[in-house]
Amino acid sequence: MDDRRRPDILSLVTTVGTSADARRLARSLVERRLAACVQIEPGLTSVYRWEGQVCEDSEWRLTAKTTPERLAALQAYLAEAHPYKLPQLVWQPLAASAAYAAWVAEAVQAD
C-alpha cells in the first residue's frame, strides 16, 4: 500500500513592509477565494542581501491557507498585487483534519 498522498491543504507564506499592505493583500486573497484565511503576524525583522547590500527591515508575515488546486492562481495574483519587486513566496503541504480541509476547500472554491 502506498502511504504517499496528496496534501490536504497548502500554507503559503509571504512578507510585506507595512500593516496596510498586509491587510490589503490578506483581504483581497480571501475575497478572491484564493485563500480560505490569511493570518497576519506583525513585528518581524528581516535581514537579507539585496542588490549587493545587507538590509534590515521591519516586516509583516502573511500565512495563507489554500488548496493545491488554487496555488497557481494565488501565485499569479501575488505576482501582480504584491508590493515587492521579488516577493517571498514559499509554501508547504499540510495534513489537516478532515473538517478543516473541507472548510478550506469550500472557502476557496471558485464561484
PDB file of N, CA and C in Angstrom:
ATOM      1  N   MET A   1       0.840  -1.186   0.000  1.00  0.00           N
ATOM      2  CA  MET A   1       0.000   0.000   0.000  1.00  0.00           C
ATOM      3  C   MET A   1       0.882   1.245   0.000  1.00  0.00           C
ATOM      4  N   ASP A   2       0.545   2.243  -0.809  1.00  0.00           N
ATOM      5  CA  ASP A   2       1.302   3.478  -0.930  1.00  0.00           C
ATOM      6  C   ASP A   2       0.786   4.492   0.092  1.00  0.00           C
ATOM      7  N   ASP A   3       1.652   4.864   1.051  1.00  0.00           N
ATOM      8  CA  ASP A   3       1.257   5.811   2.088  1.00  0.00           C
ATOM      9  C   ASP A   3       1.350   7.262   1.619  1.00  0.00           C
ATOM     10  N   ARG A   4       1.976   7.496   0.483  1.00  0.00           N
ATOM     11  CA  ARG A   4       2.058   8.865  -0.017  1.00  0.00           C
ATOM     12  C   ARG A   4       0.680   9.287  -0.510  1.00  0.00           C
ATOM     13  N   ARG A   5       0.324  10.500  -0.166  1.00  0.00           N
ATOM     14  CA  ARG A   5      -0.957  11.002  -0.624  1.00  0.00           C
ATOM     15  C   ARG A   5      -0.827  12.490  -0.880  1.00  0.00           C
ATOM     16  N   ARG A   6      -1.761  12.993  -1.571  1.00  0.00           N
ATOM     17  CA  ARG A   6      -1.793  14.407  -1.891  1.00  0.00           C
ATOM     18  C   ARG A   6      -2.059  15.200  -0.613  1.00  0.00           C
ATOM     19  N   PRO A   7      -1.398  16.363  -0.446  1.00  0.00           N
ATOM     20  CA  PRO A   7      -1.660  17.138   0.767  1.00  0.00           C
ATOM     21  C   PRO A   7      -3.102  17.631   0.802  1.00  0.00           C
ATOM     22  N   ASP A   8      -3.632  17.747   1.999  1.00  0.00           N
ATOM     23  CA  ASP A   8      -4.988  18.256   2.164  1.00  0.00           C
ATOM     24  C   ASP A   8      -5.068  19.731   1.802  1.00  0.00           C
ATOM     25  N   ILE A   9      -4.111  20.493   2.332  1.00  0.00           N
ATOM     26  CA  ILE A   9      -4.087  21.931   2.095  1.00  0.00           C
ATOM     27  C   ILE A   9      -2.640  22.381   1.937  1.00  0.00           C
ATOM     28  N   LEU A  10      -2.468  23.641   1.558  1.00  0.00           N
ATOM     29  CA  LEU A  10      -1.149  24.250   1.481  1.00  0.00           C
ATOM     30  C   LEU A  10      -1.130  25.488   2.358  1.00  0.00           C
ATOM     31  N   SER A  11       0.031  25.789   2.873  1.00  0.00           N
ATOM     32  CA  SER A  11       0.259  27.018   3.621  1.00  0.00           C
ATOM     33  C   SER A  11       1.302  27.816   2.854  1.00  0.00           C
ATOM     34  N   LEU A  12       0.914  28.990   2.362  1.00  0.00           N
ATOM     35  CA  LEU A  12       1.825  29.858   1.617  1.00  0.00           C
ATOM     36  C   LEU A  12       2.181  31.044   2.492  1.00  0.00           C
ATOM     37  N   VAL A  13       3.467  31.372   2.532  1.00  0.00           N
ATOM     38  CA  VAL A  13       3.956  32.472   3.359  1.00  0.00           C
ATOM     39  C   VAL A  13       4.601  33.526   2.478  1.00  0.00           C
ATOM     40  N   THR A  14       4.276  34.780   2.787  1.00  0.00           N
ATOM     41  CA  THR A  14       4.936  35.919   2.164  1.00  0.00           C
ATOM     42  C   THR A  14       5.098  36.999   3.220  1.00  0.00           C
ATOM     43  N   THR A  15       5.885  38.008   2.916  1.00  0.00           N
ATOM     44  CA  THR A  15       6.062  39.127   3.831  1.00  0.00           C
ATOM     45  C   THR A  15       5.858  40.429   3.075  1.00  0.00           C
ATOM     46  N   VAL A  16       5.463  41.461   3.821  1.00  0.00           N
ATOM     47  CA  VAL A  16       5.305  42.811   3.269  1.00  0.00           C
ATOM     48  C   VAL A  16       5.863  43.810   4.269  1.00  0.00           C
ATOM     49  N   GLY A  17       6.045  45.045   3.818  1.00  0.00           N
ATOM     50  CA  GLY A  17       6.691  46.053   4.636  1.00  0.00           C
ATOM     51  C   GLY A  17       5.777  46.912   5.486  1.00  0.00           C
ATOM     52  N   THR A  18       4.469  46.832   5.268  1.00  0.00           N
ATOM     53  CA  THR A  18       3.569  47.681   6.053  1.00  0.00           C
ATOM     54  C   THR A  18       2.322  46.914   6.476  1.00  0.00           C
ATOM     55  N   SER A  19       1.738  47.383   7.550  1.00  0.00           N
ATOM     56  CA  SER A  19       0.478  46.805   8.023  1.00  0.00           C
ATOM     57  C   SER A  19      -0.617  46.982   6.975  1.00  0.00           C
ATOM     58  N   ALA A  20      -0.642  48.138   6.325  1.00  0.00           N
ATOM     59  CA  ALA A  20      -1.662  48.403   5.305  1.00  0.00           C
ATOM     60  C   ALA A  20      -1.554  47.413   4.156  1.00  0.00           C
ATOM     61  N   ASP A  21      -0.331  47.127   3.692  1.00  0.00           N
ATOM     62  CA  ASP A  21      -0.154  46.145   2.616  1.00  0.00           C
ATOM     63  C   ASP A  21      -0.565  44.756   3.078  1.00  0.00           C
ATOM     64  N   ALA A  22      -0.245  44.414   4.321  1.00  0.00           N
ATOM     65  CA  ALA A  22      -0.615  43.098   4.850  1.00  0.00           C
ATOM     66  C   ALA A  22      -2.130  42.935   4.854  1.00  0.00           C
ATOM     67  N   ARG A  23      -2.841  43.925   5.352  1.00  0.00           N
ATOM     68  CA  ARG A  23      -4.302  43.850   5.424  1.00  0.00           C
ATOM     69  C   ARG A  23      -4.932  43.864   4.031  1.00  0.00           C
ATOM     70  N   ARG A  24      -4.387  44.674   3.142  1.00  0.00           N
ATOM     71  CA  ARG A  24      -4.916  44.741   1.770  1.00  0.00           C
ATOM     72  C   ARG A  24      -4.770  43.399   1.071  1.00  0.00           C
ATOM     73  N   LEU A  25      -3.589  42.817   1.130  1.00  0.00           N
ATOM     74  CA  LEU A  25      -3.377  41.530   0.475  1.00  0.00           C
ATOM     75  C   LEU A  25      -4.207  40.426   1.117  1.00  0.00           C
ATOM     76  N   ALA A  26      -4.238  40.383   2.440  1.00  0.00           N
ATOM     77  CA  ALA A  26      -4.998  39.341   3.139  1.00  0.00           C
ATOM     78  C   ALA A  26      -6.468  39.391   2.734  1.00  0.00           C
ATOM     79  N   ARG A  27      -7.053  40.567   2.800  1.00  0.00           N
ATOM     80  CA  ARG A  27      -8.468  40.710   2.457  1.00  0.00           C
ATOM     81  C   ARG A  27      -8.717  40.345   0.992  1.00  0.00           C
ATOM     82  N   SER A  28      -7.847  40.782   0.124  1.00  0.00           N
ATOM     83  CA  SER A  28      -8.012  40.503  -1.301  1.00  0.00           C
ATOM     84  C   SER A  28      -7.913  39.007  -1.605  1.00  0.00           C
ATOM     85  N   LEU A  29      -6.995  38.311  -0.953  1.00  0.00           N
ATOM     86  CA  LEU A  29      -6.854  36.869  -1.176  1.00  0.00           C
ATOM     87  C   LEU A  29      -8.106  36.113  -0.748  1.00  0.00           C
ATOM     88  N   VAL A  30      -8.677  36.510   0.374  1.00  0.00           N
ATOM     89  CA  VAL A  30      -9.890  35.848   0.852  1.00  0.00           C
ATOM     90  C   VAL A  30     -11.083  36.226  -0.030  1.00  0.00           C
ATOM     91  N   GLU A  31     -11.220  37.509  -0.376  1.00  0.00           N
ATOM     92  CA  GLU A  31     -12.338  37.936  -1.224  1.00  0.00           C
ATOM     93  C   GLU A  31     -12.310  37.258  -2.589  1.00  0.00           C
ATOM     94  N   ARG A  32     -11.124  37.034  -3.133  1.00  0.00           N
ATOM     95  CA  ARG A  32     -10.973  36.403  -4.446  1.00  0.00           C
ATOM     96  C   ARG A  32     -11.017  34.872  -4.371  1.00  0.00           C
ATOM     97  N   ARG A  33     -11.214  34.342  -3.171  1.00  0.00           N
ATOM     98  CA  ARG A  33     -11.276  32.899  -2.932  1.00  0.00           C
ATOM     99  C   ARG A  33      -9.974  32.185  -3.302  1.00  0.00           C
ATOM    100  N   LEU A  34      -8.861  32.900  -3.143  1.00  0.00           N
ATOM    101  CA  LEU A  34      -7.549  32.300  -3.361  1.00  0.00           C
ATOM    102  C   LEU A  34      -6.997  31.702  -2.076  1.00  0.00           C
ATOM    103  N   ALA A  35      -7.516  32.169  -0.948  1.00  0.00           N
ATOM    104  CA  ALA A  35      -7.140  31.645   0.367  1.00  0.00           C
ATOM    105  C   ALA A  35      -8.383  31.579   1.233  1.00  0.00           C
ATOM    106  N   ALA A  36      -8.448  30.554   2.063  1.00  0.00           N
ATOM    107  CA  ALA A  36      -9.567  30.428   2.999  1.00  0.00           C
ATOM    108  C   ALA A  36      -9.392  31.396   4.159  1.00  0.00           C
ATOM    109  N   CYS A  37      -8.155  31.566   4.587  1.00  0.00           N
ATOM    110  CA  CYS A  37      -7.852  32.527   5.640  1.00  0.00           C
ATOM    111  C   CYS A  37      -6.402  32.962   5.468  1.00  0.00           C
ATOM    112  N   VAL A  38      -6.108  34.136   5.980  1.00  0.00           N
ATOM    113  CA  VAL A  38      -4.744  34.652   5.959  1.00  0.00           C
ATOM    114  C   VAL A  38      -4.450  35.205   7.342  1.00  0.00           C
ATOM    115  N   GLN A  39      -3.431  34.687   7.955  1.00  0.00           N
ATOM    116  CA  GLN A  39      -3.006  35.173   9.261  1.00  0.00           C
ATOM    117  C   GLN A  39      -1.901  36.200   9.065  1.00  0.00           C
ATOM    118  N   ILE A  40      -1.994  37.299   9.809  1.00  0.00           N
ATOM    119  CA  ILE A  40      -1.016  38.378   9.728  1.00  0.00           C
ATOM    120  C   ILE A  40      -0.244  38.431  11.042  1.00  0.00           C
ATOM    121  N   GLU A  41       1.068  38.355  10.946  1.00  0.00           N
ATOM    122  CA  GLU A  41       1.934  38.429  12.119  1.00  0.00           C
ATOM    123  C   GLU A  41       2.811  39.676  12.006  1.00  0.00           C
ATOM    124  N   PRO A  42       2.637  40.630  12.914  1.00  0.00           N
ATOM    125  CA  PRO A  42       3.473  41.839  12.890  1.00  0.00           C
ATOM    126  C   PRO A  42       4.774  41.628  13.667  1.00  0.00           C
ATOM    127  N   GLY A  43       5.650  42.597  13.544  1.00  0.00           N
ATOM    128  CA  GLY A  43       6.815  42.644  14.416  1.00  0.00           C
ATOM    129  C   GLY A  43       8.002  41.810  13.999  1.00  0.00           C
ATOM    130  N   LEU A  44       8.095  41.450  12.732  1.00  0.00           N
ATOM    131  CA  LEU A  44       9.259  40.695  12.264  1.00  0.00           C
ATOM    132  C   LEU A  44      10.377  41.652  11.876  1.00  0.00           C
ATOM    133  N   THR A  45      11.594  41.200  12.020  1.00  0.00           N
ATOM    134  CA  THR A  45      12.743  41.908  11.475  1.00  0.00           C
ATOM    135  C   THR A  45      13.425  40.966  10.508  1.00  0.00           C
ATOM    136  N   SER A  46      13.593  41.416   9.275  1.00  0.00           N
ATOM    137  CA  SER A  46      14.265  40.604   8.264  1.00  0.00           C
ATOM    138  C   SER A  46      15.612  41.216   7.919  1.00  0.00           C
ATOM    139  N   VAL A  47      16.625  40.380   7.908  1.00  0.00           N
ATOM    140  CA  VAL A  47      17.958  40.776   7.481  1.00  0.00           C
ATOM    141  C   VAL A  47      18.258  39.956   6.233  1.00  0.00           C
ATOM    142  N   TYR A  48      18.627  40.636   5.151  1.00  0.00           N
ATOM    143  CA  TYR A  48      18.785  39.951   3.873  1.00  0.00           C
ATOM    144  C   TYR A  48      19.756  40.725   2.983  1.00  0.00           C
ATOM    145  N   ARG A  49      20.238  40.042   1.964  1.00  0.00           N
ATOM    146  CA  ARG A  49      21.108  40.685   0.987  1.00  0.00           C
ATOM    147  C   ARG A  49      20.266  41.033  -0.238  1.00  0.00           C
ATOM    148  N   TRP A  50      20.329  42.292  -0.663  1.00  0.00           N
ATOM    149  CA  TRP A  50      19.577  42.739  -1.833  1.00  0.00           C
ATOM    150  C   TRP A  50      20.421  43.722  -2.603  1.00  0.00           C
ATOM    151  N   GLU A  51      20.637  43.432  -3.882  1.00  0.00           N
ATOM    152  CA  GLU A  51      21.403  44.278  -4.792  1.00  0.00           C
ATOM    153  C   GLU A  51      22.753  44.661  -4.192  1.00  0.00           C
ATOM    154  N   GLY A  52      23.448  43.663  -3.619  1.00  0.00           N
ATOM    155  CA  GLY A  52      24.794  43.839  -3.108  1.00  0.00           C
ATOM    156  C   GLY A  52      24.898  44.455  -1.727  1.00  0.00           C
ATOM    157  N   GLN A  53      23.776  44.761  -1.110  1.00  0.00           N
ATOM    158  CA  GLN A  53      23.784  45.390   0.205  1.00  0.00           C
ATOM    159  C   GLN A  53      23.107  44.472   1.227  1.00  0.00           C
ATOM    160  N   VAL A  54      23.583  44.532   2.470  1.00  0.00           N
ATOM    161  CA  VAL A  54      22.888  43.851   3.551  1.00  0.00           C
ATOM    162  C   VAL A  54      21.856  44.832   4.093  1.00  0.00           C
ATOM    163  N   CYS A  55      20.608  44.407   4.108  1.00  0.00           N
ATOM    164  CA  CYS A  55      19.489  45.263   4.520  1.00  0.00           C
ATOM    165  C   CYS A  55      18.829  44.690   5.765  1.00  0.00           C
ATOM    166  N   GLU A  56      18.175  45.563   6.505  1.00  0.00           N
ATOM    167  CA  GLU A  56      17.407  45.151   7.678  1.00  0.00           C
ATOM    168  C   GLU A  56      16.122  45.975   7.696  1.00  0.00           C
ATOM    169  N   ASP A  57      14.978  45.270   7.704  1.00  0.00           N
ATOM    170  CA  ASP A  57      13.688  45.946   7.640  1.00  0.00           C
ATOM    171  C   ASP A  57      12.670  45.270   8.543  1.00  0.00           C
ATOM    172  N   SER A  58      11.703  46.064   8.982  1.00  0.00           N
ATOM    173  CA  SER A  58      10.538  45.518   9.684  1.00  0.00           C
ATOM    174  C   SER A  58       9.578  44.967   8.650  1.00  0.00           C
ATOM    175  N   GLU A  59       8.953  43.845   8.973  1.00  0.00           N
ATOM    176  CA  GLU A  59       8.001  43.242   8.043  1.00  0.00           C
ATOM    177  C   GLU A  59       6.834  42.626   8.785  1.00  0.00           C
ATOM    178  N   TRP A  60       5.792  42.338   8.015  1.00  0.00           N
ATOM    179  CA  TRP A  60       4.613  41.614   8.476  1.00  0.00           C
ATOM    180  C   TRP A  60       4.561  40.329   7.677  1.00  0.00           C
ATOM    181  N   ARG A  61       4.350  39.196   8.353  1.00  0.00           N
ATOM    182  CA  ARG A  61       4.266  37.898   7.690  1.00  0.00           C
ATOM    183  C   ARG A  61       2.798  37.548   7.453  1.00  0.00           C
ATOM    184  N   LEU A  62       2.502  37.117   6.242  1.00  0.00           N
ATOM    185  CA  LEU A  62       1.174  36.625   5.898  1.00  0.00           C
ATOM    186  C   LEU A  62       1.275  35.130   5.645  1.00  0.00           C
ATOM    187  N   THR A  63       0.399  34.369   6.280  1.00  0.00           N
ATOM    188  CA  THR A  63       0.333  32.926   6.077  1.00  0.00           C
ATOM    189  C   THR A  63      -1.057  32.610   5.548  1.00  0.00           C
ATOM    190  N   ALA A  64      -1.123  32.170   4.307  1.00  0.00           N
ATOM    191  CA  ALA A  64      -2.398  31.903   3.637  1.00  0.00           C
ATOM    192  C   ALA A  64      -2.628  30.406   3.537  1.00  0.00           C
ATOM    193  N   LYS A  65      -3.840  29.969   3.872  1.00  0.00           N
ATOM    194  CA  LYS A  65      -4.226  28.559   3.732  1.00  0.00           C
ATOM    195  C   LYS A  65      -5.057  28.422   2.466  1.00  0.00           C
ATOM    196  N   THR A  66      -4.667  27.474   1.625  1.00  0.00           N
ATOM    197  CA  THR A  66      -5.352  27.254   0.360  1.00  0.00           C
ATOM    198  C   THR A  66      -5.288  25.776   0.001  1.00  0.00           C
ATOM    199  N   THR A  67      -5.732  25.449  -1.195  1.00  0.00           N
ATOM    200  CA  THR A  67      -5.660  24.074  -1.689  1.00  0.00           C
ATOM    201  C   THR A  67      -4.620  23.975  -2.805  1.00  0.00           C
ATOM    202  N   PRO A  68      -4.131  22.790  -3.070  1.00  0.00           N
ATOM    203  CA  PRO A  68      -3.187  22.633  -4.179  1.00  0.00           C
ATOM    204  C   PRO A  68      -3.754  23.146  -5.503  1.00  0.00           C
ATOM    205  N   GLU A  69      -5.046  22.994  -5.697  1.00  0.00           N
ATOM    206  CA  GLU A  69      -5.680  23.429  -6.952  1.00  0.00           C
ATOM    207  C   GLU A  69      -5.663  24.943  -7.122  1.00  0.00           C
ATOM    208  N   ARG A  70      -5.628  25.697  -6.047  1.00  0.00           N
ATOM    209  CA  ARG A  70      -5.680  27.160  -6.116  1.00  0.00           C
ATOM    210  C   ARG A  70      -4.298  27.813  -6.071  1.00  0.00           C
ATOM    211  N   LEU A  71      -3.238  27.005  -5.894  1.00  0.00           N
ATOM    212  CA  LEU A  71      -1.897  27.557  -5.740  1.00  0.00           C
ATOM    213  C   LEU A  71      -1.466  28.404  -6.935  1.00  0.00           C
ATOM    214  N   ALA A  72      -1.635  27.919  -8.137  1.00  0.00           N
ATOM    215  CA  ALA A  72      -1.185  28.667  -9.316  1.00  0.00           C
ATOM    216  C   ALA A  72      -1.898  30.013  -9.421  1.00  0.00           C
ATOM    217  N   ALA A  73      -3.191  30.039  -9.177  1.00  0.00           N
ATOM    218  CA  ALA A  73      -3.939  31.301  -9.241  1.00  0.00           C
ATOM    219  C   ALA A  73      -3.494  32.252  -8.136  1.00  0.00           C
ATOM    220  N   LEU A  74      -3.229  31.722  -6.948  1.00  0.00           N
ATOM    221  CA  LEU A  74      -2.758  32.547  -5.839  1.00  0.00           C
ATOM    222  C   LEU A  74      -1.397  33.157  -6.174  1.00  0.00           C
ATOM    223  N   GLN A  75      -0.496  32.357  -6.718  1.00  0.00           N
ATOM    224  CA  GLN A  75       0.822  32.852  -7.112  1.00  0.00           C
ATOM    225  C   GLN A  75       0.701  33.921  -8.198  1.00  0.00           C
ATOM    226  N   ALA A  76      -0.140  33.699  -9.179  1.00  0.00           N
ATOM    227  CA  ALA A  76      -0.309  34.660 -10.268  1.00  0.00           C
ATOM    228  C   ALA A  76      -0.833  35.992  -9.735  1.00  0.00           C
ATOM    229  N   TYR A  77      -1.794  35.931  -8.824  1.00  0.00           N
ATOM    230  CA  TYR A  77      -2.323  37.166  -8.252  1.00  0.00           C
ATOM    231  C   TYR A  77      -1.248  37.906  -7.467  1.00  0.00           C
ATOM    232  N   LEU A  78      -0.496  37.197  -6.632  1.00  0.00           N
ATOM    233  CA  LEU A  78       0.537  37.850  -5.850  1.00  0.00           C
ATOM    234  C   LEU A  78       1.651  38.415  -6.722  1.00  0.00           C
ATOM    235  N   ALA A  79       1.933  37.793  -7.851  1.00  0.00           N
ATOM    236  CA  ALA A  79       2.942  38.330  -8.774  1.00  0.00           C
ATOM    237  C   ALA A  79       2.545  39.721  -9.261  1.00  0.00           C
ATOM    238  N   GLU A  80       1.242  39.970  -9.376  1.00  0.00           N
ATOM    239  CA  GLU A  80       0.758  41.279  -9.825  1.00  0.00           C
ATOM    240  C   GLU A  80       0.523  42.251  -8.669  1.00  0.00           C
ATOM    241  N   ALA A  81      -0.022  41.772  -7.563  1.00  0.00           N
ATOM    242  CA  ALA A  81      -0.511  42.654  -6.500  1.00  0.00           C
ATOM    243  C   ALA A  81       0.494  42.905  -5.379  1.00  0.00           C
ATOM    244  N   HIS A  82       1.523  42.103  -5.275  1.00  0.00           N
ATOM    245  CA  HIS A  82       2.471  42.235  -4.168  1.00  0.00           C
ATOM    246  C   HIS A  82       3.304  43.504  -4.350  1.00  0.00           C
ATOM    247  N   PRO A  83       3.555  44.244  -3.268  1.00  0.00           N
ATOM    248  CA  PRO A  83       4.315  45.487  -3.393  1.00  0.00           C
ATOM    249  C   PRO A  83       5.821  45.293  -3.630  1.00  0.00           C
ATOM    250  N   TYR A  84       6.346  44.109  -3.373  1.00  0.00           N
ATOM    251  CA  TYR A  84       7.781  43.881  -3.545  1.00  0.00           C
ATOM    252  C   TYR A  84       8.099  43.494  -4.986  1.00  0.00           C
ATOM    253  N   LYS A  85       9.278  43.909  -5.438  1.00  0.00           N
ATOM    254  CA  LYS A  85       9.760  43.529  -6.762  1.00  0.00           C
ATOM    255  C   LYS A  85       9.976  42.017  -6.852  1.00  0.00           C
ATOM    256  N   LEU A  86      10.506  41.427  -5.789  1.00  0.00           N
ATOM    257  CA  LEU A  86      10.730  39.981  -5.714  1.00  0.00           C
ATOM    258  C   LEU A  86      10.194  39.480  -4.375  1.00  0.00           C
ATOM    259  N   PRO A  87       8.901  39.182  -4.317  1.00  0.00           N
ATOM    260  CA  PRO A  87       8.326  38.756  -3.036  1.00  0.00           C
ATOM    261  C   PRO A  87       8.731  37.335  -2.664  1.00  0.00           C
ATOM    262  N   GLN A  88       8.824  37.124  -1.365  1.00  0.00           N
ATOM    263  CA  GLN A  88       8.980  35.762  -0.847  1.00  0.00           C
ATOM    264  C   GLN A  88       7.648  35.053  -1.056  1.00  0.00           C
ATOM    265  N   LEU A  89       7.671  33.978  -1.783  1.00  0.00           N
ATOM    266  CA  LEU A  89       6.503  33.110  -1.932  1.00  0.00           C
ATOM    267  C   LEU A  89       6.986  31.689  -1.690  1.00  0.00           C
ATOM    268  N   VAL A  90       6.770  31.202  -0.487  1.00  0.00           N
ATOM    269  CA  VAL A  90       7.154  29.836  -0.144  1.00  0.00           C
ATOM    270  C   VAL A  90       5.926  29.130   0.394  1.00  0.00           C
ATOM    271  N   TRP A  91       5.815  27.854   0.099  1.00  0.00           N
ATOM    272  CA  TRP A  91       4.655  27.100   0.562  1.00  0.00           C
ATOM    273  C   TRP A  91       5.062  25.699   0.935  1.00  0.00           C
ATOM    274  N   GLN A  92       4.196  25.104   1.714  1.00  0.00           N
ATOM    275  CA  GLN A  92       4.425  23.717   2.109  1.00  0.00           C
ATOM    276  C   GLN A  92       3.087  23.005   2.203  1.00  0.00           C
ATOM    277  N   PRO A  93       3.099  21.718   1.897  1.00  0.00           N
ATOM    278  CA  PRO A  93       1.876  20.933   2.046  1.00  0.00           C
ATOM    279  C   PRO A  93       1.624  20.662   3.521  1.00  0.00           C
ATOM    280  N   LEU A  94       0.357  20.619   3.884  1.00  0.00           N
ATOM    281  CA  LEU A  94      -0.037  20.339   5.260  1.00  0.00           C
ATOM    282  C   LEU A  94      -1.084  19.247   5.291  1.00  0.00           C
ATOM    283  N   ALA A  95      -0.960  18.372   6.255  1.00  0.00           N
ATOM    284  CA  ALA A  95      -2.047  17.451   6.553  1.00  0.00           C
ATOM    285  C   ALA A  95      -2.986  18.208   7.490  1.00  0.00           C
ATOM    286  N   ALA A  96      -4.256  17.981   7.351  1.00  0.00           N
ATOM    287  CA  ALA A  96      -5.235  18.702   8.168  1.00  0.00           C
ATOM    288  C   ALA A  96      -6.352  17.749   8.565  1.00  0.00           C
ATOM    289  N   SER A  97      -7.078  18.145   9.607  1.00  0.00           N
ATOM    290  CA  SER A  97      -8.255  17.363   9.963  1.00  0.00           C
ATOM    291  C   SER A  97      -9.219  17.394   8.781  1.00  0.00           C
ATOM    292  N   ALA A  98     -10.024  16.375   8.661  1.00  0.00           N
ATOM    293  CA  ALA A  98     -10.970  16.300   7.545  1.00  0.00           C
ATOM    294  C   ALA A  98     -11.903  17.507   7.534  1.00  0.00           C
ATOM    295  N   ALA A  99     -12.358  17.927   8.700  1.00  0.00           N
ATOM    296  CA  ALA A  99     -13.293  19.050   8.775  1.00  0.00           C
ATOM    297  C   ALA A  99     -12.622  20.348   8.342  1.00  0.00           C
ATOM    298  N   TYR A 100     -11.393  20.593   8.796  1.00  0.00           N
ATOM    299  CA  TYR A 100     -10.703  21.833   8.421  1.00  0.00           C
ATOM    300  C   TYR A 100     -10.366  21.820   6.934  1.00  0.00           C
ATOM    301  N   ALA A 101      -9.873  20.701   6.423  1.00  0.00           N
ATOM    302  CA  ALA A 101      -9.550  20.604   4.997  1.00  0.00           C
ATOM    303  C   ALA A 101     -10.792  20.841   4.138  1.00  0.00           C
ATOM    304  N   ALA A 102     -11.932  20.321   4.566  1.00  0.00           N
ATOM    305  CA  ALA A 102     -13.177  20.535   3.826  1.00  0.00           C
ATOM    306  C   ALA A 102     -13.574  22.011   3.854  1.00  0.00           C
ATOM    307  N   TRP A 103     -13.394  22.669   4.993  1.00  0.00           N
ATOM    308  CA  TRP A 103     -13.699  24.096   5.090  1.00  0.00           C
ATOM    309  C   TRP A 103     -12.815  24.918   4.162  1.00  0.00           C
ATOM    310  N   VAL A 104     -11.509  24.617   4.141  1.00  0.00           N
ATOM    311  CA  VAL A 104     -10.591  25.330   3.253  1.00  0.00           C
ATOM    312  C   VAL A 104     -11.015  25.114   1.798  1.00  0.00           C
ATOM    313  N   ALA A 105     -11.284  23.884   1.431  1.00  0.00           N
ATOM    314  CA  ALA A 105     -11.686  23.576   0.052  1.00  0.00           C
ATOM    315  C   ALA A 105     -12.955  24.326  -0.331  1.00  0.00           C
ATOM    316  N   GLU A 106     -13.919  24.370   0.557  1.00  0.00           N
ATOM    317  CA  GLU A 106     -15.167  25.085   0.263  1.00  0.00           C
ATOM    318  C   GLU A 106     -14.932  26.591   0.174  1.00  0.00           C
ATOM    319  N   ALA A 107     -14.091  27.126   1.034  1.00  0.00           N
ATOM    320  CA  ALA A 107     -13.847  28.566   1.062  1.00  0.00           C
ATOM    321  C   ALA A 107     -13.131  29.079  -0.174  1.00  0.00           C
ATOM    322  N   VAL A 108     -12.324  28.229  -0.813  1.00  0.00           N
ATOM    323  CA  VAL A 108     -11.587  28.679  -1.994  1.00  0.00           C
ATOM    324  C   VAL A 108     -12.193  28.191  -3.303  1.00  0.00           C
ATOM    325  N   GLN A 109     -13.311  27.507  -3.205  1.00  0.00           N
ATOM    326  CA  GLN A 109     -13.972  27.012  -4.402  1.00  0.00           C
ATOM    327  C   GLN A 109     -14.443  28.190  -5.247  1.00  0.00           C
ATOM    328  N   ALA A 110     -14.069  28.198  -6.506  1.00  0.00           N
ATOM    329  CA  ALA A 110     -14.446  29.292  -7.400  1.00  0.00           C
ATOM    330  C   ALA A 110     -15.968  29.338  -7.555  1.00  0.00           C
ATOM    331  N   ASP A 111     -16.476  30.570  -7.647  1.00  0.00           N
ATOM    332  CA  ASP A 111     -17.930  30.746  -7.837  1.00  0.00           C
ATOM    333  C   ASP A 111     -18.407  30.174  -9.142  1.00  0.00           C
TER     334      ASP A 111
END
